[in-house]
Amino acid sequence: MDFATNTPTNTPVETTLGEQLLLLSLDDESGAEKESVNVSYAIAAASLVELVLAGRVEVDDDQVTVRDAAPLDDPTLDAALADISGQEKRKPRKTKEWIEHLKKGAVAGTTGSLVAKGLIREEKKKVLGLFPVRRYPEADGSVESALRRRLDEVVMRGAAPDERTASLVALLHGAKLHGLLYKKPQLATAKVNMEKVAHGQWAGPAVRQAVKAAEDALTAIVVLTVVTTTVM
């Protein structure tokens, strides 16, 4: 399966939507992840969107169903597809439920994949000399730099998005991750523009319906997470 980087480079490293989200969220020098909770849900949602784009699953009336269980030769996506295929007959789930269910495996698989591709490297450290943590600083910044340029062309300069770029923008918008791309004073304009891209006519009805379901589910999850955290 061909996962484009959304950029016109000569020899691009292929990345999935989930991998692109993780690249955008990691601090290049320290390897610390920004907006880790929201990003983890967005990566899980990206797995569903990838499966829709590949024709493996479909979302109809917010119900996720399998169209083709053939693997895609991507460990993270194949694990998600197998999970959905195995659960479908026993307990059908809606988009939000699948995003919550797939979160842990999707994040771990995406991180390992980026390390294997040489785009980030794993560093093991101890906080206060006691608590072990893993950080993932940048090893090759070319893919992320090209990705940010492409997103900026679409979001701030009005370039027509391809299907994958628009899907990525919709995931970022739904998970309230605008700040991974822009800071003040551009942030307010970027939010408006990203919403326009996310809801544009850039794909066929089936894909747009699936991405919209993922975006809506992410928004609901993020709002609930914020409310729960505030109450606690």
C-alpha atoms as a PDB file:
ATOM      1  CA  MET A   1       0.000   0.000   0.000  1.00  0.00           C
ATOM      2  CA  ASP A   2       1.248   3.473  -0.865  1.00  0.00           C
ATOM      3  CA  PHE A   3       1.226   5.973   1.994  1.00  0.00           C
ATOM      4  CA  ALA A   4       2.183   9.317   0.514  1.00  0.00           C
ATOM      5  CA  THR A   5       3.924  11.999   2.522  1.00  0.00           C
ATOM      6  CA  ASN A   6       1.644  14.644   0.978  1.00  0.00           C
ATOM      7  CA  THR A   7       4.778  16.264  -0.481  1.00  0.00           C
ATOM      8  CA  PRO A   8       6.428  16.333  -3.911  1.00  0.00           C
ATOM      9  CA  THR A   9       9.847  15.049  -2.832  1.00  0.00           C
ATOM     10  CA  ASN A  10      12.067  12.883  -5.069  1.00  0.00           C
ATOM     11  CA  THR A  11      12.445   9.915  -2.717  1.00  0.00           C
ATOM     12  CA  PRO A  12       9.845  10.356   0.002  1.00  0.00           C
ATOM     13  CA  VAL A  13       9.695   8.210   3.093  1.00  0.00           C
ATOM     14  CA  GLU A  14       6.170   6.841   3.112  1.00  0.00           C
ATOM     15  CA  THR A  15       4.180   7.764   6.198  1.00  0.00           C
ATOM     16  CA  THR A  16       0.655   7.063   7.368  1.00  0.00           C
ATOM     17  CA  LEU A  17      -1.689   9.723   8.703  1.00  0.00           C
ATOM     18  CA  GLY A  18      -1.023   8.486  12.224  1.00  0.00           C
ATOM     19  CA  GLU A  19       2.722   8.766  11.734  1.00  0.00           C
ATOM     20  CA  GLN A  20       2.313  12.290  10.417  1.00  0.00           C
ATOM     21  CA  LEU A  21       0.294  13.244  13.489  1.00  0.00           C
ATOM     22  CA  LEU A  22       2.969  11.874  15.787  1.00  0.00           C
ATOM     23  CA  LEU A  23       5.749  13.674  13.913  1.00  0.00           C
ATOM     24  CA  LEU A  24       3.888  16.959  14.281  1.00  0.00           C
ATOM     25  CA  SER A  25       3.438  16.402  18.016  1.00  0.00           C
ATOM     26  CA  LEU A  26       7.012  15.502  19.011  1.00  0.00           C
ATOM     27  CA  ASP A  27       9.458  18.168  20.105  1.00  0.00           C
ATOM     28  CA  ASP A  28      12.352  17.894  17.672  1.00  0.00           C
ATOM     29  CA  GLU A  29      15.105  18.242  20.277  1.00  0.00           C
ATOM     30  CA  SER A  30      13.739  16.750  23.489  1.00  0.00           C
ATOM     31  CA  GLY A  31      11.445  14.159  21.932  1.00  0.00           C
ATOM     32  CA  ALA A  32       8.671  15.040  24.379  1.00  0.00           C
ATOM     33  CA  GLU A  33       5.157  14.746  23.000  1.00  0.00           C
ATOM     34  CA  LYS A  34       2.889  17.797  22.966  1.00  0.00           C
ATOM     35  CA  GLU A  35      -0.844  17.371  23.587  1.00  0.00           C
ATOM     36  CA  SER A  36      -0.236  13.680  24.244  1.00  0.00           C
ATOM     37  CA  VAL A  37      -3.818  12.729  25.179  1.00  0.00           C
ATOM     38  CA  ASN A  38      -5.469  14.389  22.194  1.00  0.00           C
ATOM     39  CA  VAL A  39      -2.743  13.129  19.865  1.00  0.00           C
ATOM     40  CA  SER A  40      -3.232   9.541  21.000  1.00  0.00           C
ATOM     41  CA  TYR A  41      -6.932   9.654  20.132  1.00  0.00           C
ATOM     42  CA  ALA A  42      -6.184  11.347  16.811  1.00  0.00           C
ATOM     43  CA  ILE A  43      -3.713   8.598  15.900  1.00  0.00           C
ATOM     44  CA  ALA A  44      -6.335   5.950  16.645  1.00  0.00           C
ATOM     45  CA  ALA A  45      -8.842   7.837  14.503  1.00  0.00           C
ATOM     46  CA  ALA A  46      -6.223   8.055  11.755  1.00  0.00           C
ATOM     47  CA  SER A  47      -6.045   4.252  11.673  1.00  0.00           C
ATOM     48  CA  LEU A  48      -9.762   4.110  10.904  1.00  0.00           C
ATOM     49  CA  VAL A  49      -9.452   6.778   8.218  1.00  0.00           C
ATOM     50  CA  GLU A  50      -6.543   4.918   6.605  1.00  0.00           C
ATOM     51  CA  LEU A  51      -8.618   1.742   6.488  1.00  0.00           C
ATOM     52  CA  VAL A  52     -11.457   3.656   4.840  1.00  0.00           C
ATOM     53  CA  LEU A  53      -9.119   5.218   2.271  1.00  0.00           C
ATOM     54  CA  ALA A  54      -7.756   1.745   1.505  1.00  0.00           C
ATOM     55  CA  GLY A  55     -11.240   0.348   0.997  1.00  0.00           C
ATOM     56  CA  ARG A  56     -10.973  -2.048   3.932  1.00  0.00           C
ATOM     57  CA  VAL A  57     -13.711  -0.626   6.156  1.00  0.00           C
ATOM     58  CA  GLU A  58     -16.613   1.747   5.728  1.00  0.00           C
ATOM     59  CA  VAL A  59     -18.569   3.982   8.062  1.00  0.00           C
ATOM     60  CA  ASP A  60     -22.306   4.086   7.494  1.00  0.00           C
ATOM     61  CA  ASP A  61     -24.542   5.890   9.971  1.00  0.00           C
ATOM     62  CA  ASP A  62     -21.522   5.978  12.327  1.00  0.00           C
ATOM     63  CA  GLN A  63     -21.305   2.160  12.262  1.00  0.00           C
ATOM     64  CA  VAL A  64     -17.894   0.731  11.334  1.00  0.00           C
ATOM     65  CA  THR A  65     -18.042  -2.369   9.144  1.00  0.00           C
ATOM     66  CA  VAL A  66     -15.418  -4.370   7.267  1.00  0.00           C
ATOM     67  CA  ARG A  67     -15.531  -4.477   3.459  1.00  0.00           C
ATOM     68  CA  ASP A  68     -12.274  -6.335   2.836  1.00  0.00           C
ATOM     69  CA  ALA A  69     -10.190  -8.054   5.523  1.00  0.00           C
ATOM     70  CA  ALA A  70      -7.077  -8.438   3.339  1.00  0.00           C
ATOM     71  CA  PRO A  71      -3.970  -7.075   5.133  1.00  0.00           C
ATOM     72  CA  LEU A  72      -2.200  -3.913   3.988  1.00  0.00           C
ATOM     73  CA  ASP A  73       1.363  -4.857   4.918  1.00  0.00           C
ATOM     74  CA  ASP A  74       1.413  -2.250   7.684  1.00  0.00           C
ATOM     75  CA  PRO A  75       1.567  -3.795  11.184  1.00  0.00           C
ATOM     76  CA  THR A  76      -0.418  -1.071  12.944  1.00  0.00           C
ATOM     77  CA  LEU A  77      -3.196  -0.901  10.378  1.00  0.00           C
ATOM     78  CA  ASP A  78      -3.337  -4.676   9.962  1.00  0.00           C
ATOM     79  CA  ALA A  79      -3.716  -5.092  13.728  1.00  0.00           C
ATOM     80  CA  ALA A  80      -6.567  -2.571  13.742  1.00  0.00           C
ATOM     81  CA  LEU A  81      -8.244  -4.268  10.785  1.00  0.00           C
ATOM     82  CA  ALA A  82      -7.949  -7.699  12.392  1.00  0.00           C
ATOM     83  CA  ASP A  83      -9.390  -6.323  15.628  1.00  0.00           C
ATOM     84  CA  ILE A  84     -12.372  -4.777  13.858  1.00  0.00           C
ATOM     85  CA  SER A  85     -12.930  -7.937  11.801  1.00  0.00           C
ATOM     86  CA  GLY A  86     -12.841 -10.105  14.911  1.00  0.00           C
ATOM     87  CA  GLN A  87     -15.235  -7.931  16.888  1.00  0.00           C
ATOM     88  CA  GLU A  88     -17.658  -7.053  14.121  1.00  0.00           C
ATOM     89  CA  LYS A  89     -19.959 -10.077  14.412  1.00  0.00           C
ATOM     90  CA  ARG A  90     -19.819 -10.293  18.197  1.00  0.00           C
ATOM     91  CA  LYS A  91     -20.201  -6.627  19.096  1.00  0.00           C
ATOM     92  CA  PRO A  92     -20.551  -3.980  16.381  1.00  0.00           C
ATOM     93  CA  ARG A  93     -19.056  -0.660  17.465  1.00  0.00           C
ATOM     94  CA  LYS A  94     -19.431   2.931  16.403  1.00  0.00           C
ATOM     95  CA  THR A  95     -16.608   5.256  15.409  1.00  0.00           C
ATOM     96  CA  LYS A  96     -16.051   6.767  18.860  1.00  0.00           C
ATOM     97  CA  GLU A  97     -15.913   3.336  20.496  1.00  0.00           C
ATOM     98  CA  TRP A  98     -13.338   2.103  17.991  1.00  0.00           C
ATOM     99  CA  ILE A  99     -11.164   5.174  18.462  1.00  0.00           C
ATOM    100  CA  GLU A 100     -11.118   4.603  22.207  1.00  0.00           C
ATOM    101  CA  HIS A 101     -10.485   0.883  21.767  1.00  0.00           C
ATOM    102  CA  LEU A 102      -7.668   1.205  19.222  1.00  0.00           C
ATOM    103  CA  LYS A 103      -5.804   4.018  20.977  1.00  0.00           C
ATOM    104  CA  LYS A 104      -3.120   2.095  22.868  1.00  0.00           C
ATOM    105  CA  GLY A 105      -2.087  -0.231  20.060  1.00  0.00           C
ATOM    106  CA  ALA A 106      -2.182   2.513  17.437  1.00  0.00           C
ATOM    107  CA  VAL A 107       0.130   4.836  19.377  1.00  0.00           C
ATOM    108  CA  ALA A 108       2.646   2.116  20.238  1.00  0.00           C
ATOM    109  CA  GLY A 109       2.678   0.789  16.681  1.00  0.00           C
ATOM    110  CA  THR A 110       3.031   4.245  15.170  1.00  0.00           C
ATOM    111  CA  THR A 111       5.944   5.125  17.442  1.00  0.00           C
ATOM    112  CA  GLY A 112       7.773   1.911  16.623  1.00  0.00           C
ATOM    113  CA  SER A 113       7.190   2.430  12.912  1.00  0.00           C
ATOM    114  CA  LEU A 114       8.697   5.926  12.931  1.00  0.00           C
ATOM    115  CA  VAL A 115      11.756   4.609  14.776  1.00  0.00           C
ATOM    116  CA  ALA A 116      12.119   1.800  12.223  1.00  0.00           C
ATOM    117  CA  LYS A 117      11.888   4.309   9.365  1.00  0.00           C
ATOM    118  CA  GLY A 118      14.676   6.402  10.895  1.00  0.00           C
ATOM    119  CA  LEU A 119      12.562   9.536  11.348  1.00  0.00           C
ATOM    120  CA  ILE A 120      12.815   9.551  15.144  1.00  0.00           C
ATOM    121  CA  ARG A 121      15.085   7.780  17.608  1.00  0.00           C
ATOM    122  CA  GLU A 122      14.300   6.291  20.993  1.00  0.00           C
ATOM    123  CA  GLU A 123      16.107   7.633  24.058  1.00  0.00           C
ATOM    124  CA  LYS A 124      15.684   6.149  27.521  1.00  0.00           C
ATOM    125  CA  LYS A 125      16.144   8.557  30.410  1.00  0.00           C
ATOM    126  CA  LYS A 126      15.370   8.839  34.099  1.00  0.00           C
ATOM    127  CA  VAL A 127      13.398  11.697  35.579  1.00  0.00           C
ATOM    128  CA  LEU A 128      14.934  12.904  38.845  1.00  0.00           C
ATOM    129  CA  GLY A 129      17.312   9.995  38.474  1.00  0.00           C
ATOM    130  CA  LEU A 130      14.551   7.556  39.445  1.00  0.00           C
ATOM    131  CA  PHE A 131      11.701   7.223  36.984  1.00  0.00           C
ATOM    132  CA  PRO A 132      12.465   5.744  33.550  1.00  0.00           C
ATOM    133  CA  VAL A 133      10.929   7.508  30.562  1.00  0.00           C
ATOM    134  CA  ARG A 134      11.235   7.186  26.805  1.00  0.00           C
ATOM    135  CA  ARG A 135      11.633  10.173  24.539  1.00  0.00           C
ATOM    136  CA  TYR A 136      11.659  10.303  20.746  1.00  0.00           C
ATOM    137  CA  PRO A 137      13.702  13.198  19.360  1.00  0.00           C
ATOM    138  CA  GLU A 138      14.015  13.875  15.661  1.00  0.00           C
ATOM    139  CA  ALA A 139      16.442  11.764  13.645  1.00  0.00           C
ATOM    140  CA  ASP A 140      15.476  12.981  10.159  1.00  0.00           C
ATOM    141  CA  GLY A 141      13.448  16.167   9.892  1.00  0.00           C
ATOM    142  CA  SER A 142      12.938  16.201   6.131  1.00  0.00           C
ATOM    143  CA  VAL A 143       9.544  14.472   6.147  1.00  0.00           C
ATOM    144  CA  GLU A 144       8.067  16.665   8.875  1.00  0.00           C
ATOM    145  CA  SER A 145       9.415  19.847   7.267  1.00  0.00           C
ATOM    146  CA  ALA A 146       7.871  18.941   3.924  1.00  0.00           C
ATOM    147  CA  LEU A 147       4.611  17.981   5.627  1.00  0.00           C
ATOM    148  CA  ARG A 148       4.410  21.320   7.441  1.00  0.00           C
ATOM    149  CA  ARG A 149       5.039  23.190   4.200  1.00  0.00           C
ATOM    150  CA  ARG A 150       2.254  21.286   2.449  1.00  0.00           C
ATOM    151  CA  LEU A 151      -0.187  21.876   5.323  1.00  0.00           C
ATOM    152  CA  ASP A 152       0.669  25.566   5.363  1.00  0.00           C
ATOM    153  CA  GLU A 153       0.006  25.814   1.622  1.00  0.00           C
ATOM    154  CA  VAL A 154      -3.443  24.295   2.121  1.00  0.00           C
ATOM    155  CA  VAL A 155      -4.443  25.949   5.401  1.00  0.00           C
ATOM    156  CA  MET A 156      -3.002  29.452   5.025  1.00  0.00           C
ATOM    157  CA  ARG A 157      -2.489  29.886   1.286  1.00  0.00           C
ATOM    158  CA  GLY A 158      -5.615  28.237  -0.084  1.00  0.00           C
ATOM    159  CA  ALA A 159      -3.989  25.450  -2.106  1.00  0.00           C
ATOM    160  CA  ALA A 160      -6.356  22.644  -3.101  1.00  0.00           C
ATOM    161  CA  PRO A 161      -5.861  19.689  -0.739  1.00  0.00           C
ATOM    162  CA  ASP A 162      -5.530  16.118  -1.880  1.00  0.00           C
ATOM    163  CA  GLU A 163      -7.577  13.467  -0.130  1.00  0.00           C
ATOM    164  CA  ARG A 164      -4.921  12.565   2.436  1.00  0.00           C
ATOM    165  CA  THR A 165      -3.956  16.143   3.304  1.00  0.00           C
ATOM    166  CA  ALA A 166      -7.589  17.094   3.834  1.00  0.00           C
ATOM    167  CA  SER A 167      -8.089  14.002   6.010  1.00  0.00           C
ATOM    168  CA  LEU A 168      -5.104  15.005   8.134  1.00  0.00           C
ATOM    169  CA  VAL A 169      -6.435  18.544   8.529  1.00  0.00           C
ATOM    170  CA  ALA A 170      -9.823  17.142   9.596  1.00  0.00           C
ATOM    171  CA  LEU A 171      -8.176  14.923  12.223  1.00  0.00           C
ATOM    172  CA  LEU A 172      -6.127  17.824  13.581  1.00  0.00           C
ATOM    173  CA  HIS A 173      -9.224  20.014  13.676  1.00  0.00           C
ATOM    174  CA  GLY A 174     -11.414  17.402  15.351  1.00  0.00           C
ATOM    175  CA  ALA A 175      -8.832  16.718  18.065  1.00  0.00           C
ATOM    176  CA  LYS A 176      -8.272  20.459  18.678  1.00  0.00           C
ATOM    177  CA  LEU A 177      -4.613  20.140  17.677  1.00  0.00           C
ATOM    178  CA  HIS A 178      -4.390  23.402  15.730  1.00  0.00           C
ATOM    179  CA  GLY A 179      -1.611  24.501  18.077  1.00  0.00           C
ATOM    180  CA  LEU A 180       0.709  21.816  16.716  1.00  0.00           C
ATOM    181  CA  LEU A 181       0.846  23.859  13.509  1.00  0.00           C
ATOM    182  CA  TYR A 182       0.283  27.471  14.511  1.00  0.00           C
ATOM    183  CA  LYS A 183       0.673  29.900  17.388  1.00  0.00           C
ATOM    184  CA  LYS A 184      -0.746  33.378  17.916  1.00  0.00           C
ATOM    185  CA  PRO A 185      -1.411  35.574  15.990  1.00  0.00           C
ATOM    186  CA  GLN A 186      -2.009  33.011  13.191  1.00  0.00           C
ATOM    187  CA  LEU A 187      -3.896  30.524  15.350  1.00  0.00           C
ATOM    188  CA  ALA A 188      -7.375  32.065  15.103  1.00  0.00           C
ATOM    189  CA  THR A 189      -7.218  32.288  11.314  1.00  0.00           C
ATOM    190  CA  ALA A 190      -5.797  28.779  11.074  1.00  0.00           C
ATOM    191  CA  LYS A 191      -8.709  27.336  13.071  1.00  0.00           C
ATOM    192  CA  VAL A 192     -11.259  28.912  10.714  1.00  0.00           C
ATOM    193  CA  ASN A 193      -9.370  27.773   7.624  1.00  0.00           C
ATOM    194  CA  MET A 194      -8.856  24.228   8.931  1.00  0.00           C
ATOM    195  CA  GLU A 195     -12.580  23.889   9.560  1.00  0.00           C
ATOM    196  CA  LYS A 196     -13.275  24.958   5.972  1.00  0.00           C
ATOM    197  CA  VAL A 197     -10.799  22.391   4.644  1.00  0.00           C
ATOM    198  CA  ALA A 198     -12.161  19.641   6.879  1.00  0.00           C
ATOM    199  CA  HIS A 199     -15.708  20.219   5.635  1.00  0.00           C
ATOM    200  CA  GLY A 200     -14.851  20.801   1.980  1.00  0.00           C
ATOM    201  CA  GLN A 201     -15.794  18.716  -1.066  1.00  0.00           C
ATOM    202  CA  TRP A 202     -12.370  17.089  -1.476  1.00  0.00           C
ATOM    203  CA  ALA A 203     -13.363  13.424  -1.682  1.00  0.00           C
ATOM    204  CA  GLY A 204     -16.231  11.107  -2.520  1.00  0.00           C
ATOM    205  CA  PRO A 205     -19.232  10.860  -0.167  1.00  0.00           C
ATOM    206  CA  ALA A 206     -18.083   7.619   1.492  1.00  0.00           C
ATOM    207  CA  VAL A 207     -14.680   8.985   2.465  1.00  0.00           C
ATOM    208  CA  ARG A 208     -16.058  12.351   3.575  1.00  0.00           C
ATOM    209  CA  GLN A 209     -18.668  10.599   5.705  1.00  0.00           C
ATOM    210  CA  ALA A 210     -16.023   8.454   7.400  1.00  0.00           C
ATOM    211  CA  VAL A 211     -13.682  11.381   8.044  1.00  0.00           C
ATOM    212  CA  LYS A 212     -16.560  13.493   9.365  1.00  0.00           C
ATOM    213  CA  ALA A 213     -17.539  10.658  11.732  1.00  0.00           C
ATOM    214  CA  ALA A 214     -13.947  10.444  12.978  1.00  0.00           C
ATOM    215  CA  GLU A 215     -13.733  14.226  13.369  1.00  0.00           C
ATOM    216  CA  ASP A 216     -17.010  14.373  15.322  1.00  0.00           C
ATOM    217  CA  ALA A 217     -15.953  11.463  17.538  1.00  0.00           C
ATOM    218  CA  LEU A 218     -12.628  13.132  18.289  1.00  0.00           C
ATOM    219  CA  THR A 219     -14.338  16.377  19.222  1.00  0.00           C
ATOM    220  CA  ALA A 220     -16.685  14.528  21.592  1.00  0.00           C
ATOM    221  CA  ILE A 221     -13.796  12.636  23.204  1.00  0.00           C
ATOM    222  CA  VAL A 222     -11.676  15.773  23.617  1.00  0.00           C
ATOM    223  CA  VAL A 223     -14.546  17.762  25.144  1.00  0.00           C
ATOM    224  CA  LEU A 224     -15.308  14.931  27.576  1.00  0.00           C
ATOM    225  CA  THR A 225     -11.636  14.639  28.507  1.00  0.00           C
ATOM    226  CA  VAL A 226     -11.409  18.361  29.241  1.00  0.00           C
ATOM    227  CA  VAL A 227     -14.584  18.311  31.345  1.00  0.00           C
ATOM    228  CA  THR A 228     -13.455  15.237  33.290  1.00  0.00           C
ATOM    229  CA  THR A 229     -10.008  16.713  33.940  1.00  0.00           C
ATOM    230  CA  THR A 230     -11.530  20.018  35.086  1.00  0.00           C
ATOM    231  CA  VAL A 231     -13.936  18.313  37.482  1.00  0.00           C
ATOM    232  CA  MET A 232     -11.172  16.155  38.959  1.00  0.00           C
END
